[in-house]
PDB file of all heavy atoms in Angstrom:
ATOM      1  N   GLN A   1     116.096  19.078  42.391  1.00  0.00           N
ATOM      2  CA  GLN A   1     117.464  18.901  41.917  1.00  0.00           C
ATOM      3  C   GLN A   1     118.087  20.225  41.510  1.00  0.00           C
ATOM      4  O   GLN A   1     119.245  20.479  41.787  1.00  0.00           O
ATOM      5  CB  GLN A   1     117.491  17.959  40.702  1.00  0.00           C
ATOM      6  CG  GLN A   1     117.353  16.514  41.054  1.00  0.00           C
ATOM      7  CD  GLN A   1     118.643  15.921  41.587  1.00  0.00           C
ATOM      8  OE1 GLN A   1     119.091  16.254  42.669  1.00  0.00           O
ATOM      9  NE2 GLN A   1     119.220  15.040  40.825  1.00  0.00           N
ATOM     10  N   LYS A   2     117.326  21.082  40.831  1.00  0.00           N
ATOM     11  CA  LYS A   2     117.915  22.293  40.271  1.00  0.00           C
ATOM     12  C   LYS A   2     118.378  23.282  41.341  1.00  0.00           C
ATOM     13  O   LYS A   2     119.121  24.192  41.032  1.00  0.00           O
ATOM     14  CB  LYS A   2     116.952  22.949  39.289  1.00  0.00           C
ATOM     15  CG  LYS A   2     115.638  23.397  39.879  1.00  0.00           C
ATOM     16  CD  LYS A   2     114.723  23.891  38.783  1.00  0.00           C
ATOM     17  CE  LYS A   2     113.306  23.961  39.285  1.00  0.00           C
ATOM     18  NZ  LYS A   2     112.369  24.170  38.218  1.00  0.00           N
ATOM     19  N   THR A   3     117.953  23.125  42.572  1.00  0.00           N
ATOM     20  CA  THR A   3     118.385  24.048  43.620  1.00  0.00           C
ATOM     21  C   THR A   3     119.575  23.515  44.412  1.00  0.00           C
ATOM     22  O   THR A   3     120.033  24.168  45.334  1.00  0.00           O
ATOM     23  CB  THR A   3     117.229  24.335  44.608  1.00  0.00           C
ATOM     24  OG1 THR A   3     116.865  23.118  45.263  1.00  0.00           O
ATOM     25  CG2 THR A   3     116.043  24.940  43.896  1.00  0.00           C
ATOM     26  N   ARG A   4     120.086  22.344  44.041  1.00  0.00           N
ATOM     27  CA  ARG A   4     121.180  21.725  44.787  1.00  0.00           C
ATOM     28  C   ARG A   4     122.457  21.690  43.962  1.00  0.00           C
ATOM     29  O   ARG A   4     122.416  21.528  42.758  1.00  0.00           O
ATOM     30  CB  ARG A   4     120.772  20.313  45.191  1.00  0.00           C
ATOM     31  CG  ARG A   4     119.549  20.342  46.095  1.00  0.00           C
ATOM     32  CD  ARG A   4     118.857  19.020  46.240  1.00  0.00           C
ATOM     33  NE  ARG A   4     119.766  18.005  46.704  1.00  0.00           N
ATOM     34  CZ  ARG A   4     119.677  16.736  46.338  1.00  0.00           C
ATOM     35  NH1 ARG A   4     118.745  16.361  45.495  1.00  0.00           N
ATOM     36  NH2 ARG A   4     120.506  15.841  46.817  1.00  0.00           N
ATOM     37  N   ARG A   5     123.601  21.827  44.613  1.00  0.00           N
ATOM     38  CA  ARG A   5     124.884  21.762  43.927  1.00  0.00           C
ATOM     39  C   ARG A   5     125.216  20.320  43.564  1.00  0.00           C
ATOM     40  O   ARG A   5     124.707  19.378  44.167  1.00  0.00           O
ATOM     41  CB  ARG A   5     125.975  22.344  44.819  1.00  0.00           C
ATOM     42  CG  ARG A   5     125.790  23.835  45.033  1.00  0.00           C
ATOM     43  CD  ARG A   5     126.966  24.396  45.748  1.00  0.00           C
ATOM     44  NE  ARG A   5     127.210  23.636  46.981  1.00  0.00           N
ATOM     45  CZ  ARG A   5     127.695  24.133  48.083  1.00  0.00           C
ATOM     46  NH1 ARG A   5     128.000  25.390  48.135  1.00  0.00           N
ATOM     47  NH2 ARG A   5     127.892  23.381  49.141  1.00  0.00           N
ATOM     48  N   ARG A   6     126.114  20.165  42.568  1.00  0.00           N
ATOM     49  CA  ARG A   6     126.498  18.836  42.100  1.00  0.00           C
ATOM     50  C   ARG A   6     126.983  17.961  43.244  1.00  0.00           C
ATOM     51  O   ARG A   6     126.610  16.803  43.344  1.00  0.00           O
ATOM     52  CB  ARG A   6     127.579  18.934  41.021  1.00  0.00           C
ATOM     53  CG  ARG A   6     128.051  17.551  40.576  1.00  0.00           C
ATOM     54  CD  ARG A   6     128.956  17.599  39.381  1.00  0.00           C
ATOM     55  NE  ARG A   6     129.531  16.311  39.090  1.00  0.00           N
ATOM     56  CZ  ARG A   6     128.921  15.292  38.519  1.00  0.00           C
ATOM     57  NH1 ARG A   6     127.667  15.395  38.179  1.00  0.00           N
ATOM     58  NH2 ARG A   6     129.541  14.158  38.299  1.00  0.00           N
ATOM     59  N   ARG A   7     127.824  18.497  44.116  1.00  0.00           N
ATOM     60  CA  ARG A   7     128.371  17.716  45.235  1.00  0.00           C
ATOM     61  C   ARG A   7     127.245  17.162  46.093  1.00  0.00           C
ATOM     62  O   ARG A   7     127.249  16.001  46.483  1.00  0.00           O
ATOM     63  CB  ARG A   7     129.311  18.590  46.065  1.00  0.00           C
ATOM     64  CG  ARG A   7     129.956  17.856  47.217  1.00  0.00           C
ATOM     65  CD  ARG A   7     130.908  18.746  47.995  1.00  0.00           C
ATOM     66  NE  ARG A   7     130.162  19.811  48.643  1.00  0.00           N
ATOM     67  CZ  ARG A   7     130.508  21.105  48.590  1.00  0.00           C
ATOM     68  NH1 ARG A   7     131.556  21.500  47.931  1.00  0.00           N
ATOM     69  NH2 ARG A   7     129.778  22.002  49.212  1.00  0.00           N
ATOM     70  N   ASP A   8     126.233  17.980  46.361  1.00  0.00           N
ATOM     71  CA  ASP A   8     125.090  17.533  47.167  1.00  0.00           C
ATOM     72  C   ASP A   8     124.254  16.497  46.417  1.00  0.00           C
ATOM     73  O   ASP A   8     123.759  15.543  47.002  1.00  0.00           O
ATOM     74  CB  ASP A   8     124.214  18.718  47.560  1.00  0.00           C
ATOM     75  CG  ASP A   8     124.957  19.711  48.430  1.00  0.00           C
ATOM     76  OD1 ASP A   8     125.891  19.293  49.159  1.00  0.00           O
ATOM     77  OD2 ASP A   8     124.629  20.913  48.370  1.00  0.00           O
ATOM     78  N   ARG A   9     124.102  16.676  45.111  1.00  0.00           N
ATOM     79  CA  ARG A   9     123.332  15.722  44.311  1.00  0.00           C
ATOM     80  C   ARG A   9     124.020  14.366  44.279  1.00  0.00           C
ATOM     81  O   ARG A   9     123.375  13.329  44.331  1.00  0.00           O
ATOM     82  CB  ARG A   9     123.178  16.216  42.882  1.00  0.00           C
ATOM     83  CG  ARG A   9     122.295  17.419  42.758  1.00  0.00           C
ATOM     84  CD  ARG A   9     122.212  17.814  41.326  1.00  0.00           C
ATOM     85  NE  ARG A   9     121.654  19.151  41.199  1.00  0.00           N
ATOM     86  CZ  ARG A   9     121.212  19.641  40.079  1.00  0.00           C
ATOM     87  NH1 ARG A   9     121.247  18.920  38.999  1.00  0.00           N
ATOM     88  NH2 ARG A   9     120.726  20.841  40.028  1.00  0.00           N
ATOM     89  N   MET A  10     125.348  14.386  44.162  1.00  0.00           N
ATOM     90  CA  MET A  10     126.088  13.137  44.060  1.00  0.00           C
ATOM     91  C   MET A  10     126.038  12.343  45.366  1.00  0.00           C
ATOM     92  O   MET A  10     126.214  11.133  45.365  1.00  0.00           O
ATOM     93  CB  MET A  10     127.540  13.397  43.646  1.00  0.00           C
ATOM     94  CG  MET A  10     127.666  14.055  42.271  1.00  0.00           C
ATOM     95  SD  MET A  10     126.765  13.216  40.968  1.00  0.00           S
ATOM     96  CE  MET A  10     127.918  11.936  40.572  1.00  0.00           C
ATOM     97  N   ARG A  11     125.806  13.006  46.474  1.00  0.00           N
ATOM     98  CA  ARG A  11     125.685  12.318  47.766  1.00  0.00           C
ATOM     99  C   ARG A  11     124.306  11.702  47.963  1.00  0.00           C
ATOM    100  O   ARG A  11     124.107  10.893  48.861  1.00  0.00           O
ATOM    101  CB  ARG A  11     125.941  13.301  48.908  1.00  0.00           C
ATOM    102  CG  ARG A  11     127.364  13.727  49.018  1.00  0.00           C
ATOM    103  CD  ARG A  11     127.526  14.613  50.228  1.00  0.00           C
ATOM    104  NE  ARG A  11     128.823  15.227  50.212  1.00  0.00           N
ATOM    105  CZ  ARG A  11     129.074  16.457  50.613  1.00  0.00           C
ATOM    106  NH1 ARG A  11     128.094  17.211  51.063  1.00  0.00           N
ATOM    107  NH2 ARG A  11     130.290  16.942  50.557  1.00  0.00           N
ATOM    108  N   THR A  12     123.354  12.111  47.139  1.00  0.00           N
ATOM    109  CA  THR A  12     121.989  11.610  47.260  1.00  0.00           C
ATOM    110  C   THR A  12     121.955  10.121  46.936  1.00  0.00           C
ATOM    111  O   THR A  12     122.497   9.697  45.929  1.00  0.00           O
ATOM    112  CB  THR A  12     121.054  12.354  46.283  1.00  0.00           C
ATOM    113  OG1 THR A  12     121.155  13.749  46.538  1.00  0.00           O
ATOM    114  CG2 THR A  12     119.617  11.903  46.454  1.00  0.00           C
ATOM    115  N   PRO A  13     121.319   9.331  47.791  1.00  0.00           N
ATOM    116  CA  PRO A  13     121.193   7.897  47.486  1.00  0.00           C
ATOM    117  C   PRO A  13     120.419   7.676  46.188  1.00  0.00           C
ATOM    118  O   PRO A  13     119.814   8.589  45.652  1.00  0.00           O
ATOM    119  CB  PRO A  13     120.411   7.347  48.678  1.00  0.00           C
ATOM    120  CG  PRO A  13     120.481   8.383  49.728  1.00  0.00           C
ATOM    121  CD  PRO A  13     120.706   9.693  49.048  1.00  0.00           C
ATOM    122  N   ARG A  14     120.407   6.455  45.732  1.00  0.00           N
ATOM    123  CA  ARG A  14     119.734   6.084  44.487  1.00  0.00           C
ATOM    124  C   ARG A  14     118.336   6.688  44.408  1.00  0.00           C
ATOM    125  O   ARG A  14     117.552   6.613  45.331  1.00  0.00           O
ATOM    126  CB  ARG A  14     119.661   4.567  44.412  1.00  0.00           C
ATOM    127  CG  ARG A  14     119.118   4.063  43.116  1.00  0.00           C
ATOM    128  CD  ARG A  14     119.061   2.588  43.092  1.00  0.00           C
ATOM    129  NE  ARG A  14     117.983   2.180  43.970  1.00  0.00           N
ATOM    130  CZ  ARG A  14     117.717   0.938  44.287  1.00  0.00           C
ATOM    131  NH1 ARG A  14     118.458  -0.021  43.844  1.00  0.00           N
ATOM    132  NH2 ARG A  14     116.715   0.643  45.078  1.00  0.00           N
ATOM    133  N   GLN A  15     118.042   7.256  43.268  1.00  0.00           N
ATOM    134  CA  GLN A  15     116.756   7.916  43.052  1.00  0.00           C
ATOM    135  C   GLN A  15     115.703   7.005  42.448  1.00  0.00           C
ATOM    136  O   GLN A  15     114.528   7.295  42.520  1.00  0.00           O
ATOM    137  CB  GLN A  15     116.935   9.090  42.088  1.00  0.00           C
ATOM    138  CG  GLN A  15     117.871  10.144  42.549  1.00  0.00           C
ATOM    139  CD  GLN A  15     118.054  11.199  41.466  1.00  0.00           C
ATOM    140  OE1 GLN A  15     117.451  11.147  40.404  1.00  0.00           O
ATOM    141  NE2 GLN A  15     118.886  12.160  41.735  1.00  0.00           N
ATOM    142  N   PHE A  16     116.136   5.933  41.812  1.00  0.00           N
ATOM    143  CA  PHE A  16     115.220   5.093  41.045  1.00  0.00           C
ATOM    144  C   PHE A  16     115.260   3.647  41.494  1.00  0.00           C
ATOM    145  O   PHE A  16     116.189   3.205  42.148  1.00  0.00           O
ATOM    146  CB  PHE A  16     115.586   5.147  39.556  1.00  0.00           C
ATOM    147  CG  PHE A  16     115.646   6.528  39.006  1.00  0.00           C
ATOM    148  CD1 PHE A  16     116.861   7.121  38.706  1.00  0.00           C
ATOM    149  CD2 PHE A  16     114.488   7.257  38.796  1.00  0.00           C
ATOM    150  CE1 PHE A  16     116.928   8.411  38.212  1.00  0.00           C
ATOM    151  CE2 PHE A  16     114.546   8.555  38.306  1.00  0.00           C
ATOM    152  CZ  PHE A  16     115.772   9.125  38.012  1.00  0.00           C
ATOM    153  N   ARG A  17     114.237   2.924  41.064  1.00  0.00           N
ATOM    154  CA  ARG A  17     114.204   1.469  41.207  1.00  0.00           C
ATOM    155  C   ARG A  17     113.700   0.924  39.881  1.00  0.00           C
ATOM    156  O   ARG A  17     112.978   1.602  39.151  1.00  0.00           O
ATOM    157  CB  ARG A  17     113.330   1.031  42.375  1.00  0.00           C
ATOM    158  CG  ARG A  17     111.884   1.399  42.240  1.00  0.00           C
ATOM    159  CD  ARG A  17     111.045   0.920  43.431  1.00  0.00           C
ATOM    160  NE  ARG A  17     109.726   1.485  43.381  1.00  0.00           N
ATOM    161  CZ  ARG A  17     108.750   1.111  42.574  1.00  0.00           C
ATOM    162  NH1 ARG A  17     108.943   0.130  41.725  1.00  0.00           N
ATOM    163  NH2 ARG A  17     107.573   1.687  42.594  1.00  0.00           N
ATOM    164  N   PRO A  18     114.111  -0.311  39.546  1.00  0.00           N
ATOM    165  CA  PRO A  18     113.660  -0.875  38.270  1.00  0.00           C
ATOM    166  C   PRO A  18     112.203  -1.291  38.346  1.00  0.00           C
ATOM    167  O   PRO A  18     111.686  -1.617  39.406  1.00  0.00           O
ATOM    168  CB  PRO A  18     114.578  -2.079  38.078  1.00  0.00           C
ATOM    169  CG  PRO A  18     115.017  -2.454  39.445  1.00  0.00           C
ATOM    170  CD  PRO A  18     115.022  -1.193  40.265  1.00  0.00           C
ATOM    171  N   ARG A  19     111.550  -1.281  37.203  1.00  0.00           N
ATOM    172  CA  ARG A  19     110.191  -1.794  37.102  1.00  0.00           C
ATOM    173  C   ARG A  19     110.004  -2.338  35.702  1.00  0.00           C
ATOM    174  O   ARG A  19     110.633  -1.872  34.761  1.00  0.00           O
ATOM    175  CB  ARG A  19     109.157  -0.725  37.437  1.00  0.00           C
ATOM    176  CG  ARG A  19     108.900   0.271  36.338  1.00  0.00           C
ATOM    177  CD  ARG A  19     107.889   1.294  36.753  1.00  0.00           C
ATOM    178  NE  ARG A  19     106.822   1.380  35.777  1.00  0.00           N
ATOM    179  CZ  ARG A  19     105.934   2.335  35.769  1.00  0.00           C
ATOM    180  NH1 ARG A  19     105.955   3.281  36.660  1.00  0.00           N
ATOM    181  NH2 ARG A  19     104.999   2.353  34.862  1.00  0.00           N
ATOM    182  N   GLY A  20     109.176  -3.321  35.568  1.00  0.00           N
ATOM    183  CA  GLY A  20     108.906  -3.888  34.258  1.00  0.00           C
ATOM    184  C   GLY A  20     109.896  -4.972  33.861  1.00  0.00           C
ATOM    185  O   GLY A  20     110.793  -5.340  34.610  1.00  0.00           O
ATOM    186  N   VAL A  21     109.724  -5.460  32.661  1.00  0.00           N
ATOM    187  CA  VAL A  21     110.522  -6.552  32.109  1.00  0.00           C
ATOM    188  C   VAL A  21     111.673  -5.964  31.299  1.00  0.00           C
ATOM    189  O   VAL A  21     111.486  -5.032  30.515  1.00  0.00           O
ATOM    190  CB  VAL A  21     109.647  -7.454  31.207  1.00  0.00           C
ATOM    191  CG1 VAL A  21     110.473  -8.550  30.569  1.00  0.00           C
ATOM    192  CG2 VAL A  21     108.497  -8.031  32.008  1.00  0.00           C
ATOM    193  N   VAL A  22     112.855  -6.507  31.475  1.00  0.00           N
ATOM    194  CA  VAL A  22     114.031  -6.045  30.747  1.00  0.00           C
ATOM    195  C   VAL A  22     113.856  -6.350  29.261  1.00  0.00           C
ATOM    196  O   VAL A  22     113.582  -7.498  28.895  1.00  0.00           O
ATOM    197  CB  VAL A  22     115.310  -6.721  31.287  1.00  0.00           C
ATOM    198  CG1 VAL A  22     116.516  -6.365  30.435  1.00  0.00           C
ATOM    199  CG2 VAL A  22     115.532  -6.350  32.734  1.00  0.00           C
ATOM    200  N   PRO A  23     113.999  -5.333  28.400  1.00  0.00           N
ATOM    201  CA  PRO A  23     113.833  -5.581  26.966  1.00  0.00           C
ATOM    202  C   PRO A  23     115.030  -6.332  26.384  1.00  0.00           C
ATOM    203  O   PRO A  23     116.143  -6.253  26.893  1.00  0.00           O
ATOM    204  CB  PRO A  23     113.744  -4.169  26.380  1.00  0.00           C
ATOM    205  CG  PRO A  23     114.489  -3.314  27.346  1.00  0.00           C
ATOM    206  CD  PRO A  23     114.276  -3.936  28.708  1.00  0.00           C
ATOM    207  N   ALA A  24     114.795  -7.030  25.294  1.00  0.00           N
ATOM    208  CA  ALA A  24     115.870  -7.762  24.622  1.00  0.00           C
ATOM    209  C   ALA A  24     116.772  -6.813  23.836  1.00  0.00           C
ATOM    210  O   ALA A  24     117.917  -7.117  23.563  1.00  0.00           O
ATOM    211  CB  ALA A  24     115.275  -8.807  23.681  1.00  0.00           C
ATOM    212  N   CYS A  25     116.248  -5.637  23.489  1.00  0.00           N
ATOM    213  CA  CYS A  25     117.017  -4.674  22.696  1.00  0.00           C
ATOM    214  C   CYS A  25     117.753  -3.680  23.608  1.00  0.00           C
ATOM    215  O   CYS A  25     117.447  -3.561  24.792  1.00  0.00           O
ATOM    216  CB  CYS A  25     116.084  -3.931  21.746  1.00  0.00           C
ATOM    217  SG  CYS A  25     114.781  -3.007  22.571  1.00  0.00           S
ATOM    218  N   PRO A  26     118.719  -2.949  23.067  1.00  0.00           N
ATOM    219  CA  PRO A  26     119.427  -1.941  23.857  1.00  0.00           C
ATOM    220  C   PRO A  26     118.488  -0.808  24.288  1.00  0.00           C
ATOM    221  O   PRO A  26     117.411  -0.622  23.721  1.00  0.00           O
ATOM    222  CB  PRO A  26     120.494  -1.411  22.897  1.00  0.00           C
ATOM    223  CG  PRO A  26     120.583  -2.391  21.793  1.00  0.00           C
ATOM    224  CD  PRO A  26     119.260  -3.077  21.720  1.00  0.00           C
ATOM    225  N   VAL A  27     118.951  -0.048  25.281  1.00  0.00           N
ATOM    226  CA  VAL A  27     118.151   1.014  25.889  1.00  0.00           C
ATOM    227  C   VAL A  27     118.827   2.369  25.689  1.00  0.00           C
ATOM    228  O   VAL A  27     120.037   2.494  25.847  1.00  0.00           O
ATOM    229  CB  VAL A  27     117.999   0.727  27.405  1.00  0.00           C
ATOM    230  CG1 VAL A  27     117.510   1.933  28.157  1.00  0.00           C
ATOM    231  CG2 VAL A  27     117.079  -0.461  27.629  1.00  0.00           C
ATOM    232  N   VAL A  28     118.009   3.372  25.348  1.00  0.00           N
ATOM    233  CA  VAL A  28     118.449   4.763  25.322  1.00  0.00           C
ATOM    234  C   VAL A  28     117.617   5.500  26.374  1.00  0.00           C
ATOM    235  O   VAL A  28     116.385   5.463  26.335  1.00  0.00           O
ATOM    236  CB  VAL A  28     118.254   5.418  23.938  1.00  0.00           C
ATOM    237  CG1 VAL A  28     118.606   6.903  23.981  1.00  0.00           C
ATOM    238  CG2 VAL A  28     119.085   4.704  22.876  1.00  0.00           C
ATOM    239  N   ILE A  29     118.288   6.140  27.319  1.00  0.00           N
ATOM    240  CA  ILE A  29     117.602   6.917  28.353  1.00  0.00           C
ATOM    241  C   ILE A  29     117.178   8.251  27.745  1.00  0.00           C
ATOM    242  O   ILE A  29     117.953   8.885  27.026  1.00  0.00           O
ATOM    243  CB  ILE A  29     118.526   7.147  29.564  1.00  0.00           C
ATOM    244  CG1 ILE A  29     118.944   5.799  30.174  1.00  0.00           C
ATOM    245  CG2 ILE A  29     117.852   8.031  30.607  1.00  0.00           C
ATOM    246  CD1 ILE A  29     120.069   5.913  31.186  1.00  0.00           C
ATOM    247  N   VAL A  30     115.958   8.691  28.035  1.00  0.00           N
ATOM    248  CA  VAL A  30     115.439   9.960  27.532  1.00  0.00           C
ATOM    249  C   VAL A  30     115.127  10.860  28.724  1.00  0.00           C
ATOM    250  O   VAL A  30     114.408  10.456  29.643  1.00  0.00           O
ATOM    251  CB  VAL A  30     114.165   9.744  26.678  1.00  0.00           C
ATOM    252  CG1 VAL A  30     113.568  11.072  26.241  1.00  0.00           C
ATOM    253  CG2 VAL A  30     114.468   8.868  25.473  1.00  0.00           C
ATOM    254  N   ASP A  31     115.674  12.083  28.683  1.00  0.00           N
ATOM    255  CA  ASP A  31     115.403  13.058  29.744  1.00  0.00           C
ATOM    256  C   ASP A  31     115.189  14.426  29.112  1.00  0.00           C
ATOM    257  O   ASP A  31     115.496  14.635  27.939  1.00  0.00           O
ATOM    258  CB  ASP A  31     116.557  13.083  30.756  1.00  0.00           C
ATOM    259  CG  ASP A  31     116.132  13.603  32.131  1.00  0.00           C
ATOM    260  OD1 ASP A  31     114.939  13.935  32.313  1.00  0.00           O
ATOM    261  OD2 ASP A  31     116.991  13.681  33.018  1.00  0.00           O
ATOM    262  N   ASP A  32     114.654  15.348  29.907  1.00  0.00           N
ATOM    263  CA  ASP A  32     114.359  16.678  29.376  1.00  0.00           C
ATOM    264  C   ASP A  32     115.565  17.618  29.455  1.00  0.00           C
ATOM    265  O   ASP A  32     115.969  18.183  28.462  1.00  0.00           O
ATOM    266  CB  ASP A  32     113.131  17.282  30.061  1.00  0.00           C
ATOM    267  CG  ASP A  32     113.211  17.235  31.574  1.00  0.00           C
ATOM    268  OD1 ASP A  32     114.265  16.869  32.127  1.00  0.00           O
ATOM    269  OD2 ASP A  32     112.207  17.564  32.220  1.00  0.00           O
ATOM    270  N   VAL A  33     116.139  17.800  30.631  1.00  0.00           N
ATOM    271  CA  VAL A  33     117.252  18.740  30.809  1.00  0.00           C
ATOM    272  C   VAL A  33     118.349  18.066  31.624  1.00  0.00           C
ATOM    273  O   VAL A  33     118.068  17.470  32.657  1.00  0.00           O
ATOM    274  CB  VAL A  33     116.782  20.029  31.524  1.00  0.00           C
ATOM    275  CG1 VAL A  33     117.950  20.986  31.740  1.00  0.00           C
ATOM    276  CG2 VAL A  33     115.675  20.726  30.727  1.00  0.00           C
ATOM    277  N   VAL A  34     119.580  18.176  31.156  1.00  0.00           N
ATOM    278  CA  VAL A  34     120.716  17.658  31.913  1.00  0.00           C
ATOM    279  C   VAL A  34     121.456  18.846  32.523  1.00  0.00           C
ATOM    280  O   VAL A  34     121.699  19.849  31.861  1.00  0.00           O
ATOM    281  CB  VAL A  34     121.661  16.791  31.055  1.00  0.00           C
ATOM    282  CG1 VAL A  34     122.294  17.562  29.924  1.00  0.00           C
ATOM    283  CG2 VAL A  34     122.735  16.146  31.913  1.00  0.00           C
ATOM    284  N   THR A  35     121.740  18.708  33.828  1.00  0.00           N
ATOM    285  CA  THR A  35     122.466  19.753  34.542  1.00  0.00           C
ATOM    286  C   THR A  35     123.819  19.226  34.999  1.00  0.00           C
ATOM    287  O   THR A  35     124.852  19.699  34.561  1.00  0.00           O
ATOM    288  CB  THR A  35     121.632  20.247  35.749  1.00  0.00           C
ATOM    289  OG1 THR A  35     120.352  20.683  35.268  1.00  0.00           O
ATOM    290  CG2 THR A  35     122.327  21.387  36.447  1.00  0.00           C
ATOM    291  N   THR A  36     123.815  18.233  35.865  1.00  0.00           N
ATOM    292  CA  THR A  36     125.070  17.664  36.363  1.00  0.00           C
ATOM    293  C   THR A  36     125.315  16.251  35.866  1.00  0.00           C
ATOM    294  O   THR A  36     126.433  15.768  35.912  1.00  0.00           O
ATOM    295  CB  THR A  36     125.088  17.608  37.907  1.00  0.00           C
ATOM    296  OG1 THR A  36     124.085  16.692  38.344  1.00  0.00           O
ATOM    297  CG2 THR A  36     124.883  18.978  38.508  1.00  0.00           C
ATOM    298  N   GLY A  37     124.283  15.562  35.437  1.00  0.00           N
ATOM    299  CA  GLY A  37     124.413  14.184  35.003  1.00  0.00           C
ATOM    300  C   GLY A  37     124.092  13.166  36.085  1.00  0.00           C
ATOM    301  O   GLY A  37     124.052  11.969  35.822  1.00  0.00           O
TER     302      GLY A  37
END
């Protein structure tokens, strides 16, 4: 990701798929470094 421009990253298809059981409580996403979002 860090070697690609935002425009190129935004064209990338979905990176993730869900796994596990949806929790009853709200979710906070945790990541290490944000570059483009």
